[in-house]
Every structure is written in structure tokens, then in C-alpha cells.
Amino acid sequence: MPVKTSPKDVFLHLLAIASLYTSAISFMVLIFQYINVLLPDPLESNFYMLSSAYNSIRWSIASLIVVFPVYVLTSWFLNKSYRKSPSKRDLGIRKWLVYFTLFVAALIIIGDLVTLIFNLMGGELTLRFLLKVATVFFVSGSVFGYYLWDLRKHKTE
């Protein structure tokens, strides 16, 4: 007999995915801005670029301080409920959100690789660019890899 989805399940799954997306984006923005500060573009105005970068760094750190623990705590609650009732892994909301996350991560990885090839063909091969491409690939690849591993580990279809 399939387990019914409760409002609590919907809330926890949506909160987990939203906090994951926010954490991933905040982490990427943080790394991008550190790259901008450490490897500045000589064609940009230094004062405004640095001011903007520092504001983005502060915002990203603040977001990570609040949102990442929410993701960890929400994931902990979800895993606790999965241990108590393993059939909850088959909830429709979970499957939809996990596969949607895999889809989004795959699109980001594909877009990242297209951007890399496009810019390489145009002659852009700067350390700054390569570090940003590597950041996007690492973050989206980590999210994709984790959720794919989780699906395979628990044989969820």
C-alpha cells in the first residue's frame, strides 16, 4: 500500500530543495566573487568592481550562514523519516523534486560545457574564466552526483 503524501512531507521536501538551490547558488556567487577580487579584469573599473564584489561576498556568506543549516536540518528530518518509514522514499513529491533537480543540474553542466567550448574556440583561455567554469561544473556535478547516488543506493524509480 503506497504511503500518502502529507502536508509535512510536501513542506520538508520543498524546503530541502529550495534551500539546496539557494545554498548552491550562494556558494557559486561567493567563489565567483573571490575569483573577481583575486584575479581582477583589467578592463573593469577597480573601485566599483571591488565594491560590488564585496557586497556579493557579504550577501553570499549571510545566505550560506542561514540557508545551508536549514538544508542540513531539513535533510536530517527527511532521512530520519525514511529510516522510520522506508516507503516514504517513494513519495511522488520526492521523486518529482529529485528528478527535477537532476534535470536542472544536467542542463547546467551541459550549458557550462557549451560555454567552455564556445569561449575556447573564441580564444578566451584565462585563468579567471577557467576557474569560474570549474566552479559551476563542480557545484552542479556534486548536486547531480549526490542525487544520482541516492537514487541508485535506494533503487528508487
N, C-alpha and C. Protein backbone atom coordinates (compact mmCIF):
# COMPACT_ATOMS: atom_id res chain seq x y z
N MET A 1 0.84 -1.18 0.00
CA MET A 1 0.00 0.00 0.00
C MET A 1 0.89 1.25 0.00
N PRO A 2 0.71 2.13 -0.98
CA PRO A 2 1.55 3.32 -1.05
C PRO A 2 1.28 4.29 0.11
N VAL A 3 2.33 4.94 0.53
CA VAL A 3 2.22 5.93 1.61
C VAL A 3 1.67 7.22 1.02
N LYS A 4 0.74 7.83 1.76
CA LYS A 4 0.16 9.09 1.30
C LYS A 4 1.10 10.24 1.64
N THR A 5 1.08 11.23 0.77
CA THR A 5 1.89 12.43 0.99
C THR A 5 1.13 13.36 1.92
N SER A 6 1.79 13.73 3.01
CA SER A 6 1.17 14.65 3.97
C SER A 6 1.66 16.08 3.68
N PRO A 7 0.96 17.07 4.21
CA PRO A 7 1.45 18.45 4.06
C PRO A 7 2.86 18.63 4.63
N LYS A 8 3.17 17.89 5.69
CA LYS A 8 4.51 17.96 6.29
C LYS A 8 5.56 17.46 5.29
N ASP A 9 5.24 16.38 4.57
CA ASP A 9 6.17 15.85 3.56
C ASP A 9 6.42 16.87 2.45
N VAL A 10 5.35 17.49 1.98
CA VAL A 10 5.48 18.50 0.92
C VAL A 10 6.33 19.66 1.42
N PHE A 11 6.04 20.13 2.63
CA PHE A 11 6.79 21.24 3.21
C PHE A 11 8.27 20.91 3.32
N LEU A 12 8.60 19.75 3.89
CA LEU A 12 10.00 19.38 4.09
C LEU A 12 10.75 19.20 2.77
N HIS A 13 10.11 18.56 1.81
CA HIS A 13 10.77 18.35 0.52
C HIS A 13 10.98 19.66 -0.24
N LEU A 14 9.97 20.52 -0.25
CA LEU A 14 10.12 21.81 -0.92
C LEU A 14 11.18 22.67 -0.23
N LEU A 15 11.18 22.65 1.10
CA LEU A 15 12.17 23.42 1.85
C LEU A 15 13.58 22.89 1.59
N ALA A 16 13.72 21.58 1.55
CA ALA A 16 15.04 20.98 1.29
C ALA A 16 15.56 21.38 -0.09
N ILE A 17 14.72 21.28 -1.10
CA ILE A 17 15.16 21.60 -2.46
C ILE A 17 15.42 23.10 -2.60
N ALA A 18 14.54 23.93 -2.05
CA ALA A 18 14.74 25.39 -2.15
C ALA A 18 16.02 25.81 -1.42
N SER A 19 16.27 25.22 -0.26
CA SER A 19 17.48 25.59 0.47
C SER A 19 18.73 25.02 -0.20
N LEU A 20 18.61 23.87 -0.86
CA LEU A 20 19.74 23.33 -1.63
C LEU A 20 20.08 24.27 -2.79
N TYR A 21 19.07 24.67 -3.56
CA TYR A 21 19.30 25.57 -4.70
C TYR A 21 19.90 26.89 -4.23
N THR A 22 19.35 27.45 -3.16
CA THR A 22 19.85 28.72 -2.64
C THR A 22 21.29 28.58 -2.16
N SER A 23 21.59 27.48 -1.48
CA SER A 23 22.96 27.25 -0.99
C SER A 23 23.93 27.09 -2.15
N ALA A 24 23.54 26.32 -3.16
CA ALA A 24 24.42 26.10 -4.31
C ALA A 24 24.70 27.40 -5.04
N ILE A 25 23.66 28.18 -5.26
CA ILE A 25 23.83 29.46 -5.96
C ILE A 25 24.68 30.42 -5.13
N SER A 26 24.42 30.49 -3.83
CA SER A 26 25.19 31.38 -2.96
C SER A 26 26.66 30.97 -2.93
N PHE A 27 26.92 29.68 -2.90
CA PHE A 27 28.30 29.19 -2.90
C PHE A 27 29.00 29.56 -4.21
N MET A 28 28.30 29.39 -5.34
CA MET A 28 28.90 29.75 -6.63
C MET A 28 29.16 31.25 -6.72
N VAL A 29 28.21 32.06 -6.26
CA VAL A 29 28.41 33.51 -6.29
C VAL A 29 29.61 33.88 -5.41
N LEU A 30 29.72 33.25 -4.25
CA LEU A 30 30.84 33.52 -3.35
C LEU A 30 32.17 33.21 -4.04
N ILE A 31 32.28 32.05 -4.65
CA ILE A 31 33.52 31.67 -5.33
C ILE A 31 33.79 32.60 -6.52
N PHE A 32 32.74 32.91 -7.31
CA PHE A 32 32.91 33.82 -8.45
C PHE A 32 33.46 35.17 -7.98
N GLN A 33 32.94 35.68 -6.88
CA GLN A 33 33.38 37.00 -6.41
C GLN A 33 34.80 36.95 -5.85
N TYR A 34 35.16 35.85 -5.21
CA TYR A 34 36.56 35.71 -4.77
C TYR A 34 37.48 35.68 -5.99
N ILE A 35 37.06 34.99 -7.04
CA ILE A 35 37.85 34.98 -8.28
C ILE A 35 37.96 36.40 -8.84
N ASN A 36 36.84 37.14 -8.83
CA ASN A 36 36.86 38.52 -9.34
C ASN A 36 37.80 39.42 -8.54
N VAL A 37 37.86 39.21 -7.23
CA VAL A 37 38.73 40.03 -6.38
C VAL A 37 40.20 39.62 -6.56
N LEU A 38 40.45 38.31 -6.57
CA LEU A 38 41.84 37.83 -6.65
C LEU A 38 42.43 37.93 -8.05
N LEU A 39 41.58 37.83 -9.07
CA LEU A 39 42.03 37.92 -10.46
C LEU A 39 41.19 38.97 -11.18
N PRO A 40 41.39 40.24 -10.87
CA PRO A 40 40.53 41.28 -11.45
C PRO A 40 40.69 41.40 -12.96
N ASP A 41 39.60 41.79 -13.60
CA ASP A 41 39.62 42.06 -15.04
C ASP A 41 40.23 43.44 -15.24
N PRO A 42 41.32 43.53 -15.97
CA PRO A 42 41.98 44.84 -16.14
C PRO A 42 41.13 45.86 -16.88
N LEU A 43 40.08 45.42 -17.57
CA LEU A 43 39.24 46.34 -18.33
C LEU A 43 38.11 46.94 -17.49
N GLU A 44 37.89 46.42 -16.28
CA GLU A 44 36.83 46.93 -15.42
C GLU A 44 37.37 47.99 -14.47
N SER A 45 36.49 48.92 -14.11
CA SER A 45 36.84 49.93 -13.12
C SER A 45 37.03 49.24 -11.78
N ASN A 46 38.18 49.41 -11.19
CA ASN A 46 38.54 48.66 -9.99
C ASN A 46 37.67 48.98 -8.78
N PHE A 47 37.39 50.25 -8.50
CA PHE A 47 36.64 50.61 -7.30
C PHE A 47 35.23 50.02 -7.30
N TYR A 48 34.50 50.22 -8.41
CA TYR A 48 33.12 49.74 -8.46
C TYR A 48 33.06 48.22 -8.52
N MET A 49 34.01 47.62 -9.19
CA MET A 49 34.05 46.17 -9.26
C MET A 49 34.30 45.58 -7.87
N LEU A 50 35.26 46.15 -7.16
CA LEU A 50 35.55 45.65 -5.81
C LEU A 50 34.39 45.88 -4.86
N SER A 51 33.77 47.04 -4.93
CA SER A 51 32.63 47.35 -4.07
C SER A 51 31.49 46.36 -4.32
N SER A 52 31.20 46.11 -5.58
CA SER A 52 30.15 45.16 -5.94
C SER A 52 30.52 43.74 -5.50
N ALA A 53 31.78 43.37 -5.70
CA ALA A 53 32.23 42.03 -5.31
C ALA A 53 32.12 41.84 -3.80
N TYR A 54 32.52 42.84 -3.03
CA TYR A 54 32.44 42.72 -1.58
C TYR A 54 31.00 42.64 -1.10
N ASN A 55 30.10 43.38 -1.72
CA ASN A 55 28.68 43.28 -1.37
C ASN A 55 28.15 41.88 -1.68
N SER A 56 28.52 41.34 -2.82
CA SER A 56 28.08 39.99 -3.19
C SER A 56 28.65 38.94 -2.25
N ILE A 57 29.90 39.14 -1.84
CA ILE A 57 30.53 38.21 -0.90
C ILE A 57 29.79 38.23 0.44
N ARG A 58 29.48 39.42 0.93
CA ARG A 58 28.74 39.53 2.20
C ARG A 58 27.38 38.87 2.09
N TRP A 59 26.67 39.13 0.99
CA TRP A 59 25.34 38.56 0.80
C TRP A 59 25.42 37.03 0.72
N SER A 60 26.38 36.51 -0.01
CA SER A 60 26.53 35.06 -0.15
C SER A 60 26.85 34.39 1.17
N ILE A 61 27.75 35.00 1.93
CA ILE A 61 28.10 34.43 3.24
C ILE A 61 26.89 34.45 4.16
N ALA A 62 26.16 35.56 4.17
CA ALA A 62 24.95 35.65 5.02
C ALA A 62 23.94 34.59 4.61
N SER A 63 23.76 34.41 3.31
CA SER A 63 22.82 33.40 2.83
C SER A 63 23.25 32.00 3.25
N LEU A 64 24.54 31.71 3.09
CA LEU A 64 25.03 30.39 3.46
C LEU A 64 24.93 30.13 4.96
N ILE A 65 25.16 31.16 5.77
CA ILE A 65 25.07 31.00 7.23
C ILE A 65 23.65 30.63 7.64
N VAL A 66 22.66 31.17 6.96
CA VAL A 66 21.26 30.90 7.32
C VAL A 66 20.72 29.68 6.57
N VAL A 67 20.92 29.63 5.27
CA VAL A 67 20.22 28.66 4.43
C VAL A 67 20.85 27.27 4.45
N PHE A 68 22.17 27.17 4.45
CA PHE A 68 22.78 25.83 4.42
C PHE A 68 22.41 25.01 5.66
N PRO A 69 22.44 25.57 6.87
CA PRO A 69 21.97 24.79 8.02
C PRO A 69 20.50 24.36 7.89
N VAL A 70 19.68 25.19 7.25
CA VAL A 70 18.28 24.80 7.00
C VAL A 70 18.25 23.56 6.12
N TYR A 71 19.09 23.54 5.08
CA TYR A 71 19.16 22.36 4.20
C TYR A 71 19.61 21.12 4.98
N VAL A 72 20.66 21.28 5.78
CA VAL A 72 21.18 20.14 6.54
C VAL A 72 20.13 19.63 7.52
N LEU A 73 19.48 20.52 8.23
CA LEU A 73 18.45 20.14 9.21
C LEU A 73 17.25 19.49 8.52
N THR A 74 16.81 20.07 7.42
CA THR A 74 15.67 19.51 6.69
C THR A 74 16.01 18.13 6.15
N SER A 75 17.21 17.98 5.61
CA SER A 75 17.65 16.67 5.10
C SER A 75 17.73 15.66 6.23
N TRP A 76 18.17 16.11 7.40
CA TRP A 76 18.24 15.21 8.54
C TRP A 76 16.84 14.73 8.92
N PHE A 77 15.86 15.65 8.97
CA PHE A 77 14.48 15.26 9.28
C PHE A 77 13.94 14.29 8.23
N LEU A 78 14.22 14.56 6.97
CA LEU A 78 13.74 13.66 5.91
C LEU A 78 14.37 12.28 6.02
N ASN A 79 15.68 12.23 6.24
CA ASN A 79 16.35 10.93 6.38
C ASN A 79 15.87 10.17 7.61
N LYS A 80 15.56 10.90 8.66
CA LYS A 80 15.00 10.28 9.87
C LYS A 80 13.64 9.65 9.55
N SER A 81 12.83 10.35 8.77
CA SER A 81 11.52 9.79 8.41
C SER A 81 11.67 8.62 7.44
N TYR A 82 12.72 8.63 6.60
CA TYR A 82 12.96 7.50 5.68
C TYR A 82 13.39 6.26 6.46
N ARG A 83 14.18 6.46 7.51
CA ARG A 83 14.59 5.31 8.32
C ARG A 83 13.39 4.72 9.06
N LYS A 84 12.51 5.60 9.52
CA LYS A 84 11.31 5.16 10.24
C LYS A 84 10.33 4.48 9.28
N SER A 85 10.18 5.04 8.09
CA SER A 85 9.25 4.51 7.10
C SER A 85 9.92 4.54 5.72
N PRO A 86 10.66 3.48 5.36
CA PRO A 86 11.40 3.46 4.09
C PRO A 86 10.54 3.71 2.85
N SER A 87 9.26 3.40 2.94
CA SER A 87 8.38 3.61 1.78
C SER A 87 8.19 5.10 1.47
N LYS A 88 8.56 5.98 2.40
CA LYS A 88 8.44 7.42 2.15
C LYS A 88 9.41 7.89 1.06
N ARG A 89 10.44 7.09 0.78
CA ARG A 89 11.35 7.42 -0.32
C ARG A 89 10.64 7.37 -1.67
N ASP A 90 9.50 6.69 -1.71
CA ASP A 90 8.74 6.56 -2.96
C ASP A 90 7.65 7.61 -3.10
N LEU A 91 7.62 8.59 -2.22
CA LEU A 91 6.61 9.64 -2.33
C LEU A 91 6.75 10.37 -3.66
N GLY A 92 5.63 10.70 -4.24
CA GLY A 92 5.63 11.39 -5.53
C GLY A 92 6.36 12.72 -5.49
N ILE A 93 6.15 13.49 -4.42
CA ILE A 93 6.80 14.81 -4.32
C ILE A 93 8.31 14.66 -4.31
N ARG A 94 8.80 13.64 -3.62
CA ARG A 94 10.25 13.42 -3.56
C ARG A 94 10.79 13.05 -4.93
N LYS A 95 10.12 12.11 -5.59
CA LYS A 95 10.59 11.67 -6.91
C LYS A 95 10.61 12.83 -7.90
N TRP A 96 9.54 13.62 -7.91
CA TRP A 96 9.47 14.74 -8.84
C TRP A 96 10.58 15.75 -8.58
N LEU A 97 10.79 16.09 -7.32
CA LEU A 97 11.81 17.09 -6.99
C LEU A 97 13.23 16.58 -7.24
N VAL A 98 13.47 15.31 -6.93
CA VAL A 98 14.80 14.75 -7.17
C VAL A 98 15.09 14.70 -8.67
N TYR A 99 14.14 14.21 -9.45
CA TYR A 99 14.37 14.14 -10.90
C TYR A 99 14.42 15.54 -11.53
N PHE A 100 13.65 16.47 -11.00
CA PHE A 100 13.74 17.85 -11.49
C PHE A 100 15.12 18.42 -11.19
N THR A 101 15.64 18.13 -10.00
CA THR A 101 16.97 18.60 -9.62
C THR A 101 18.04 17.98 -10.52
N LEU A 102 17.91 16.69 -10.81
CA LEU A 102 18.84 16.04 -11.73
C LEU A 102 18.78 16.71 -13.11
N PHE A 103 17.56 17.01 -13.56
CA PHE A 103 17.36 17.66 -14.85
C PHE A 103 18.04 19.03 -14.88
N VAL A 104 17.79 19.84 -13.86
CA VAL A 104 18.38 21.18 -13.80
C VAL A 104 19.91 21.09 -13.73
N ALA A 105 20.42 20.19 -12.90
CA ALA A 105 21.88 20.04 -12.79
C ALA A 105 22.48 19.60 -14.12
N ALA A 106 21.81 18.67 -14.81
CA ALA A 106 22.31 18.22 -16.12
C ALA A 106 22.32 19.37 -17.12
N LEU A 107 21.26 20.18 -17.13
CA LEU A 107 21.22 21.34 -18.04
C LEU A 107 22.34 22.33 -17.74
N ILE A 108 22.60 22.55 -16.47
CA ILE A 108 23.67 23.48 -16.08
C ILE A 108 25.03 22.94 -16.51
N ILE A 109 25.26 21.65 -16.31
CA ILE A 109 26.52 21.04 -16.74
C ILE A 109 26.68 21.15 -18.25
N ILE A 110 25.62 20.84 -18.99
CA ILE A 110 25.66 20.94 -20.45
C ILE A 110 25.94 22.38 -20.88
N GLY A 111 25.23 23.33 -20.29
CA GLY A 111 25.45 24.74 -20.60
C GLY A 111 26.86 25.19 -20.26
N ASP A 112 27.39 24.69 -19.16
CA ASP A 112 28.74 25.03 -18.74
C ASP A 112 29.76 24.52 -19.76
N LEU A 113 29.57 23.30 -20.23
CA LEU A 113 30.49 22.73 -21.22
C LEU A 113 30.38 23.46 -22.56
N VAL A 114 29.15 23.83 -22.96
CA VAL A 114 28.97 24.60 -24.20
C VAL A 114 29.68 25.95 -24.08
N THR A 115 29.52 26.61 -22.93
CA THR A 115 30.19 27.89 -22.70
C THR A 115 31.71 27.74 -22.77
N LEU A 116 32.21 26.68 -22.17
CA LEU A 116 33.65 26.42 -22.19
C LEU A 116 34.15 26.27 -23.63
N ILE A 117 33.50 25.41 -24.40
CA ILE A 117 33.93 25.17 -25.78
C ILE A 117 33.79 26.44 -26.62
N PHE A 118 32.67 27.14 -26.47
CA PHE A 118 32.45 28.38 -27.23
C PHE A 118 33.56 29.39 -26.96
N ASN A 119 33.88 29.59 -25.70
CA ASN A 119 34.91 30.57 -25.35
C ASN A 119 36.31 30.11 -25.74
N LEU A 120 36.57 28.82 -25.64
CA LEU A 120 37.87 28.31 -26.09
C LEU A 120 38.03 28.51 -27.60
N MET A 121 36.95 28.28 -28.34
CA MET A 121 37.00 28.48 -29.80
C MET A 121 37.18 29.96 -30.15
N GLY A 122 36.75 30.84 -29.27
CA GLY A 122 36.91 32.28 -29.48
C GLY A 122 38.25 32.80 -28.98
N GLY A 123 39.06 31.93 -28.42
CA GLY A 123 40.39 32.33 -27.97
C GLY A 123 40.48 32.78 -26.53
N GLU A 124 39.39 32.65 -25.78
CA GLU A 124 39.42 33.06 -24.37
C GLU A 124 39.88 31.90 -23.52
N LEU A 125 41.06 32.03 -23.01
CA LEU A 125 41.61 30.98 -22.15
C LEU A 125 42.32 31.66 -20.98
N THR A 126 41.53 32.30 -20.12
CA THR A 126 42.11 32.96 -18.95
C THR A 126 41.87 32.09 -17.72
N LEU A 127 42.74 32.25 -16.77
CA LEU A 127 42.58 31.50 -15.52
C LEU A 127 41.26 31.86 -14.85
N ARG A 128 40.91 33.12 -14.89
CA ARG A 128 39.65 33.60 -14.30
C ARG A 128 38.45 32.86 -14.90
N PHE A 129 38.41 32.76 -16.22
CA PHE A 129 37.31 32.08 -16.91
C PHE A 129 37.30 30.59 -16.56
N LEU A 130 38.46 29.94 -16.62
CA LEU A 130 38.53 28.51 -16.34
C LEU A 130 38.12 28.19 -14.90
N LEU A 131 38.48 29.04 -13.95
CA LEU A 131 38.09 28.82 -12.56
C LEU A 131 36.58 28.94 -12.38
N LYS A 132 35.97 29.88 -13.08
CA LYS A 132 34.51 30.03 -12.99
C LYS A 132 33.80 28.84 -13.62
N VAL A 133 34.29 28.36 -14.75
CA VAL A 133 33.71 27.17 -15.38
C VAL A 133 33.87 25.97 -14.45
N ALA A 134 35.04 25.83 -13.85
CA ALA A 134 35.28 24.71 -12.93
C ALA A 134 34.36 24.80 -11.71
N THR A 135 34.10 25.99 -11.22
CA THR A 135 33.21 26.18 -10.08
C THR A 135 31.80 25.71 -10.40
N VAL A 136 31.28 26.15 -11.54
CA VAL A 136 29.92 25.74 -11.94
C VAL A 136 29.87 24.23 -12.13
N PHE A 137 30.88 23.68 -12.78
CA PHE A 137 30.91 22.23 -13.03
C PHE A 137 30.98 21.46 -11.71
N PHE A 138 31.82 21.91 -10.78
CA PHE A 138 31.97 21.23 -9.50
C PHE A 138 30.67 21.25 -8.69
N VAL A 139 30.04 22.41 -8.58
CA VAL A 139 28.83 22.53 -7.77
C VAL A 139 27.68 21.75 -8.39
N SER A 140 27.42 21.97 -9.67
CA SER A 140 26.30 21.25 -10.31
C SER A 140 26.60 19.76 -10.42
N GLY A 141 27.85 19.41 -10.66
CA GLY A 141 28.23 18.00 -10.71
C GLY A 141 28.08 17.32 -9.36
N SER A 142 28.38 18.04 -8.29
CA SER A 142 28.22 17.48 -6.94
C SER A 142 26.75 17.23 -6.62
N VAL A 143 25.90 18.19 -6.96
CA VAL A 143 24.46 18.01 -6.73
C VAL A 143 23.94 16.85 -7.55
N PHE A 144 24.30 16.82 -8.84
CA PHE A 144 23.86 15.74 -9.73
C PHE A 144 24.36 14.39 -9.21
N GLY A 145 25.64 14.32 -8.87
CA GLY A 145 26.22 13.06 -8.39
C GLY A 145 25.59 12.57 -7.10
N TYR A 146 25.33 13.48 -6.17
CA TYR A 146 24.74 13.08 -4.90
C TYR A 146 23.34 12.49 -5.09
N TYR A 147 22.50 13.19 -5.85
CA TYR A 147 21.13 12.71 -6.01
C TYR A 147 21.06 11.45 -6.87
N LEU A 148 21.95 11.32 -7.85
CA LEU A 148 22.01 10.09 -8.63
C LEU A 148 22.47 8.93 -7.75
N TRP A 149 23.47 9.17 -6.92
CA TRP A 149 23.95 8.15 -5.99
C TRP A 149 22.82 7.74 -5.04
N ASP A 150 22.08 8.72 -4.52
CA ASP A 150 20.99 8.43 -3.59
C ASP A 150 19.91 7.58 -4.26
N LEU A 151 19.58 7.91 -5.51
CA LEU A 151 18.57 7.12 -6.23
C LEU A 151 19.04 5.69 -6.44
N ARG A 152 20.29 5.54 -6.84
CA ARG A 152 20.83 4.19 -7.08
C ARG A 152 20.98 3.40 -5.79
N LYS A 153 21.38 4.07 -4.73
CA LYS A 153 21.57 3.40 -3.44
C LYS A 153 20.27 2.81 -2.93
N HIS A 154 19.19 3.55 -3.11
CA HIS A 154 17.90 3.11 -2.59
C HIS A 154 16.99 2.56 -3.68
N LYS A 155 17.53 2.41 -4.88
CA LYS A 155 16.80 1.81 -6.01
C LYS A 155 15.42 2.41 -6.21
N THR A 156 15.35 3.73 -6.21
CA THR A 156 14.09 4.43 -6.43
C THR A 156 13.93 4.69 -7.91
N GLU A 157 12.73 4.46 -8.43
CA GLU A 157 12.47 4.70 -9.86
C GLU A 157 11.59 5.90 -10.03
